[in-house]
């Protein structure tokens, strides 16, 4: 990427960050400043822009807002929900709004507006709804696992990586930009996407393990994995992902490049920073 392209991509990120800040202001109480500072909006927009530097500002709105949705519902479940009933109610409200019902909460309204932004044909919207349900279900499962005597096994935990929202964000972007034109396209991208988000699950756990140790949050290390074992597992996942991505390059070059970029960009980002505001860290 040359200097001109870097400059253009940074401009995309600036526009995206401003759009996210304006968007967040429309949903009362959903994005408290103690957790959602300007740095979070800009870091999400940077990730969207550099992951698809070919895109326009309009084409990046869906991926940026999908990323913001992941953070919003993650915070509500992790920090505000005090019972399974509250978690189930949040999940139900979001899925109902995604299906066309009148939003019952600010989070549900955000979901409904993201669906409208997506403007997908029926079959692709159904795939989007399915992935949204997978993500919210995985987040709810992790809330339950955080309760005493509910800890999962390591493989079960890693298999629940839809909770990261990584594939949901990518799928939203691919539908919105026409990279995926049919459910079959998404099915072909899923195996590589699943491995990438399991890698990101471990990478996030590795980067935030000291913070989460102080809050008691569930992660691979509270379940008994060592940093050395995490490094080995991540290296193996990165290799597996590369093998799965390579055959995609002919038919889905932009999706393949996005998935490859996710691995390397995220490793560099988490080496120095985190998305959440310092007060939330």
Protein backbone atom coordinates (compact mmCIF):
# COMPACT_ATOMS: atom_id res chain seq x y z
CA UNK A 1 0.00 0.00 0.00
CA UNK A 2 1.52 3.31 -1.13
CA UNK A 3 1.37 6.68 0.60
CA UNK A 4 -1.66 7.84 -1.41
CA UNK A 5 -3.58 4.66 -0.56
CA UNK A 6 -2.64 4.95 3.12
CA UNK A 7 -3.86 8.54 3.15
CA UNK A 8 -7.14 7.59 1.48
CA UNK A 9 -7.69 4.73 3.89
CA UNK A 10 -7.03 6.98 6.88
CA UNK A 11 -9.59 9.42 5.50
CA UNK A 12 -12.12 6.56 5.27
CA UNK A 13 -11.41 5.78 8.93
CA UNK A 14 -11.85 9.41 10.00
CA UNK A 15 -15.21 9.57 8.24
CA UNK A 16 -16.22 6.23 9.72
CA UNK A 17 -15.29 7.24 13.25
CA UNK A 18 -17.31 10.43 13.01
CA UNK A 19 -20.28 8.50 11.64
CA UNK A 20 -20.11 6.03 14.54
CA UNK A 21 -20.02 8.84 17.10
CA UNK A 22 -23.07 10.50 15.50
CA UNK A 23 -24.83 7.15 15.24
CA UNK A 24 -24.19 6.26 18.89
CA UNK A 25 -25.65 9.57 20.05
CA UNK A 26 -29.04 8.56 18.62
CA UNK A 27 -29.51 5.62 21.02
CA UNK A 28 -30.17 6.84 24.53
CA UNK A 29 -28.06 5.04 27.13
CA UNK A 30 -26.73 2.35 24.79
CA UNK A 31 -23.23 3.79 24.46
CA UNK A 32 -22.10 5.32 27.79
CA UNK A 33 -19.04 7.53 27.48
CA UNK A 34 -17.22 5.62 30.23
CA UNK A 35 -16.99 2.66 27.86
CA UNK A 36 -17.48 4.16 24.41
CA UNK A 37 -14.96 6.94 24.00
CA UNK A 38 -13.68 8.55 20.79
CA UNK A 39 -10.82 6.04 20.71
CA UNK A 40 -13.23 3.11 20.45
CA UNK A 41 -15.11 4.68 17.54
CA UNK A 42 -11.90 5.53 15.73
CA UNK A 43 -10.35 2.09 16.34
CA UNK A 44 -13.42 0.33 14.94
CA UNK A 45 -13.40 2.62 11.93
CA UNK A 46 -9.68 2.04 11.38
CA UNK A 47 -10.27 -1.70 11.41
CA UNK A 48 -13.07 -1.37 8.87
CA UNK A 49 -11.14 0.92 6.56
CA UNK A 50 -7.85 -0.99 6.52
CA UNK A 51 -9.67 -4.31 6.19
CA UNK A 52 -11.30 -3.09 2.96
CA UNK A 53 -9.27 -0.14 1.66
CA UNK A 54 -11.00 -0.47 -1.73
CA UNK A 55 -14.37 0.49 -0.20
CA UNK A 56 -16.21 3.81 -0.08
CA UNK A 57 -17.45 5.60 3.05
CA UNK A 58 -20.96 4.32 2.35
CA UNK A 59 -19.80 0.76 1.84
CA UNK A 60 -18.07 0.80 5.24
CA UNK A 61 -21.09 1.97 7.21
CA UNK A 62 -22.51 -1.53 7.69
CA UNK A 63 -19.25 -3.14 8.86
CA UNK A 64 -18.53 -0.26 11.24
CA UNK A 65 -22.03 -0.32 12.70
CA UNK A 66 -22.04 -4.13 12.94
CA UNK A 67 -18.79 -3.92 14.92
CA UNK A 68 -20.36 -1.32 17.20
CA UNK A 69 -23.40 -3.55 17.73
CA UNK A 70 -21.12 -6.38 18.87
CA UNK A 71 -19.60 -4.11 21.52
CA UNK A 72 -22.98 -2.78 22.62
CA UNK A 73 -24.62 -6.14 23.26
CA UNK A 74 -21.40 -7.59 24.71
CA UNK A 75 -21.32 -4.81 27.31
CA UNK A 76 -25.02 -5.18 28.13
CA UNK A 77 -24.65 -8.92 28.69
CA UNK A 78 -21.32 -8.79 30.53
CA UNK A 79 -21.83 -5.69 32.64
CA UNK A 80 -25.54 -5.07 33.10
CA UNK A 81 -27.37 -8.40 32.95
CA UNK A 82 -27.86 -9.93 36.40
CA UNK A 83 -29.97 -12.95 35.48
CA UNK A 84 -30.58 -15.44 32.69
CA UNK A 85 -33.99 -13.86 32.25
CA UNK A 86 -32.43 -10.46 31.50
CA UNK A 87 -30.00 -12.00 29.01
CA UNK A 88 -32.81 -13.92 27.32
CA UNK A 89 -34.96 -10.79 27.14
CA UNK A 90 -32.17 -8.80 25.47
CA UNK A 91 -31.52 -11.57 22.96
CA UNK A 92 -35.23 -11.93 22.25
CA UNK A 93 -35.72 -8.17 21.75
CA UNK A 94 -32.81 -7.96 19.33
CA UNK A 95 -33.89 -10.96 17.28
CA UNK A 96 -37.50 -9.76 17.17
CA UNK A 97 -36.41 -6.34 15.90
CA UNK A 98 -34.14 -7.99 13.34
CA UNK A 99 -37.18 -9.90 12.12
CA UNK A 100 -39.24 -6.73 11.68
CA UNK A 101 -40.96 -6.26 15.05
CA UNK A 102 -41.15 -2.85 16.68
CA UNK A 103 -37.96 -2.34 18.76
CA UNK A 104 -38.49 -2.76 22.51
CA UNK A 105 -35.15 -1.27 23.59
CA UNK A 106 -32.30 0.91 22.36
CA UNK A 107 -30.28 -2.21 21.50
CA UNK A 108 -33.19 -3.61 19.50
CA UNK A 109 -33.58 -0.28 17.69
CA UNK A 110 -29.91 -0.37 16.73
CA UNK A 111 -30.36 -3.90 15.34
CA UNK A 112 -33.40 -2.82 13.34
CA UNK A 113 -31.53 0.14 11.87
CA UNK A 114 -28.56 -2.06 10.96
CA UNK A 115 -30.91 -4.44 9.15
CA UNK A 116 -32.32 -1.48 7.24
CA UNK A 117 -28.79 -0.33 6.34
CA UNK A 118 -27.99 -3.82 5.10
CA UNK A 119 -30.95 -3.81 2.68
CA UNK A 120 -30.31 -7.45 1.76
CA UNK A 121 -32.46 -9.69 -0.45
CA UNK A 122 -34.50 -12.30 1.39
CA UNK A 123 -32.10 -15.25 1.22
CA UNK A 124 -29.09 -13.21 2.34
CA UNK A 125 -31.11 -11.48 5.06
CA UNK A 126 -32.06 -14.93 6.37
CA UNK A 127 -28.37 -15.85 6.55
CA UNK A 128 -27.65 -12.58 8.35
CA UNK A 129 -30.43 -13.25 10.87
CA UNK A 130 -29.07 -16.75 11.45
CA UNK A 131 -25.58 -15.43 12.17
CA UNK A 132 -26.97 -12.73 14.46
CA UNK A 133 -28.79 -15.46 16.40
CA UNK A 134 -25.60 -17.54 16.59
CA UNK A 135 -23.65 -14.57 17.95
CA UNK A 136 -26.23 -13.59 20.55
CA UNK A 137 -26.71 -17.21 21.59
CA UNK A 138 -22.96 -17.63 22.05
CA UNK A 139 -22.78 -14.47 24.15
CA UNK A 140 -25.66 -15.71 26.30
CA UNK A 141 -23.90 -19.06 26.70
CA UNK A 142 -20.76 -17.34 27.95
CA UNK A 143 -22.81 -15.36 30.47
CA UNK A 144 -24.07 -18.68 31.83
CA UNK A 145 -20.56 -20.13 31.86
CA UNK A 146 -19.40 -17.24 34.04
CA UNK A 147 -21.71 -18.45 36.83
CA UNK A 148 -20.28 -20.78 39.52
CA UNK A 149 -20.01 -24.44 38.51
CA UNK A 150 -20.89 -23.72 34.87
CA UNK A 151 -17.40 -23.57 33.34
CA UNK A 152 -17.07 -25.31 29.96
CA UNK A 153 -14.26 -27.49 28.67
CA UNK A 154 -11.58 -25.81 26.59
CA UNK A 155 -12.74 -27.18 23.25
CA UNK A 156 -16.34 -26.26 24.02
CA UNK A 157 -15.20 -22.74 24.89
CA UNK A 158 -13.23 -22.30 21.65
CA UNK A 159 -16.10 -23.73 19.62
CA UNK A 160 -18.27 -20.91 21.00
CA UNK A 161 -16.19 -18.25 19.23
CA UNK A 162 -19.28 -16.81 17.52
CA UNK A 163 -19.43 -14.77 20.75
CA UNK A 164 -16.63 -12.59 19.36
CA UNK A 165 -18.90 -11.41 16.57
CA UNK A 166 -16.04 -11.65 14.08
CA UNK A 167 -17.87 -13.73 11.48
CA UNK A 168 -21.08 -11.74 11.99
CA UNK A 169 -19.19 -8.52 11.21
CA UNK A 170 -17.52 -10.02 8.15
CA UNK A 171 -20.74 -11.56 6.88
CA UNK A 172 -22.56 -8.22 7.28
CA UNK A 173 -19.84 -6.49 5.28
CA UNK A 174 -19.77 -9.09 2.51
CA UNK A 175 -23.53 -8.95 2.07
CA UNK A 176 -23.64 -5.14 2.14
CA UNK A 177 -20.86 -4.72 -0.44
CA UNK A 178 -21.90 -7.55 -2.77
CA UNK A 179 -18.83 -9.68 -2.05
CA UNK A 180 -21.28 -12.45 -1.13
CA UNK A 181 -24.18 -12.71 -3.57
CA UNK A 182 -25.80 -15.92 -2.35
CA UNK A 183 -26.04 -18.10 0.77
CA UNK A 184 -23.72 -20.51 -1.06
CA UNK A 185 -21.00 -17.83 -1.11
CA UNK A 186 -21.33 -17.45 2.65
CA UNK A 187 -21.20 -21.22 3.13
CA UNK A 188 -17.92 -21.32 1.22
CA UNK A 189 -16.46 -18.51 3.35
CA UNK A 190 -17.61 -19.92 6.70
CA UNK A 191 -14.93 -22.61 7.33
CA UNK A 192 -12.10 -20.08 7.01
CA UNK A 193 -14.11 -17.47 8.91
CA UNK A 194 -14.76 -19.89 11.76
CA UNK A 195 -11.05 -20.63 12.16
CA UNK A 196 -10.18 -16.93 12.03
CA UNK A 197 -12.65 -16.08 14.77
CA UNK A 198 -11.38 -18.90 16.98
CA UNK A 199 -7.89 -17.41 16.49
CA UNK A 200 -9.26 -13.99 17.44
CA UNK A 201 -10.95 -15.50 20.50
CA UNK A 202 -7.57 -16.70 21.80
CA UNK A 203 -5.77 -13.52 20.75
CA UNK A 204 -8.25 -11.38 22.65
CA UNK A 205 -7.97 -13.62 25.70
CA UNK A 206 -4.18 -13.43 25.58
CA UNK A 207 -4.17 -9.63 25.26
CA UNK A 208 -6.73 -9.00 28.00
CA UNK A 209 -5.94 -11.83 30.42
CA UNK A 210 -4.54 -9.58 33.17
CA UNK A 211 -7.56 -7.28 33.10
CA UNK A 212 -9.98 -10.18 33.06
CA UNK A 213 -8.14 -11.92 35.88
CA UNK A 214 -8.99 -8.93 38.08
CA UNK A 215 -12.66 -8.94 37.07
CA UNK A 216 -13.12 -12.70 37.14
CA UNK A 217 -14.24 -12.91 33.51
CA UNK A 218 -14.17 -16.26 31.75
CA UNK A 219 -11.36 -16.80 29.25
CA UNK A 220 -9.01 -19.51 28.06
CA UNK A 221 -6.58 -18.79 30.88
CA UNK A 222 -9.12 -19.00 33.69
CA UNK A 223 -9.99 -22.37 32.13
CA UNK A 224 -6.39 -23.54 32.50
CA UNK A 225 -4.59 -22.70 29.24
CA UNK A 226 -1.05 -21.31 29.57
CA UNK A 227 0.27 -18.41 27.42
CA UNK A 228 2.69 -20.82 25.76
CA UNK A 229 -0.09 -23.21 24.86
CA UNK A 230 -2.15 -20.30 23.55
CA UNK A 231 0.73 -19.25 21.29
CA UNK A 232 0.99 -22.79 19.93
CA UNK A 233 -2.74 -23.08 19.34
CA UNK A 234 -2.86 -19.68 17.63
CA UNK A 235 0.04 -20.57 15.35
CA UNK A 236 -1.75 -23.77 14.34
CA UNK A 237 -5.01 -21.88 13.76
CA UNK A 238 -3.24 -19.26 11.65
CA UNK A 239 -1.76 -22.02 9.49
CA UNK A 240 -5.13 -23.75 9.16
CA UNK A 241 -6.79 -20.46 8.26
CA UNK A 242 -4.21 -19.73 5.57
CA UNK A 243 -4.82 -23.15 4.00
CA UNK A 244 -8.56 -22.55 3.96
CA UNK A 245 -8.27 -18.98 2.66
CA UNK A 246 -5.98 -19.72 -0.28
CA UNK A 247 -8.59 -21.61 -2.39
CA UNK A 248 -11.01 -18.71 -1.88
CA UNK A 249 -8.80 -16.15 -3.60
CA UNK A 250 -9.95 -16.90 -7.15
CA UNK A 251 -13.70 -16.49 -6.58
CA UNK A 252 -13.67 -14.28 -3.47
CA UNK A 253 -10.45 -12.25 -3.51
CA UNK A 254 -11.73 -9.43 -1.30
CA UNK A 255 -13.14 -11.77 1.33
CA UNK A 256 -9.92 -13.81 1.30
CA UNK A 257 -7.82 -10.69 1.73
CA UNK A 258 -10.09 -9.47 4.53
CA UNK A 259 -9.73 -12.74 6.46
CA UNK A 260 -5.95 -12.74 6.00
CA UNK A 261 -5.76 -9.13 7.12
CA UNK A 262 -7.86 -9.93 10.22
CA UNK A 263 -5.20 -12.34 11.44
CA UNK A 264 -2.26 -9.98 11.06
CA UNK A 265 -3.88 -6.62 11.84
CA UNK A 266 -5.47 -7.94 15.01
CA UNK A 267 -2.19 -9.42 16.25
CA UNK A 268 -0.47 -6.06 15.77
CA UNK A 269 -3.32 -4.08 17.31
CA UNK A 270 -3.69 -6.20 20.42
CA UNK A 271 0.06 -6.11 20.93
CA UNK A 272 -0.24 -2.47 21.99
CA UNK A 273 -3.87 -1.57 22.63
CA UNK A 274 -7.47 -2.63 23.25
CA UNK A 275 -10.76 -1.37 21.85
CA UNK A 276 -12.44 -0.53 25.15
CA UNK A 277 -11.93 2.84 26.84
CA UNK A 278 -9.35 2.77 29.69
CA UNK A 279 -12.11 3.26 32.28
CA UNK A 280 -13.73 0.05 31.01
CA UNK A 281 -10.46 -1.87 30.92
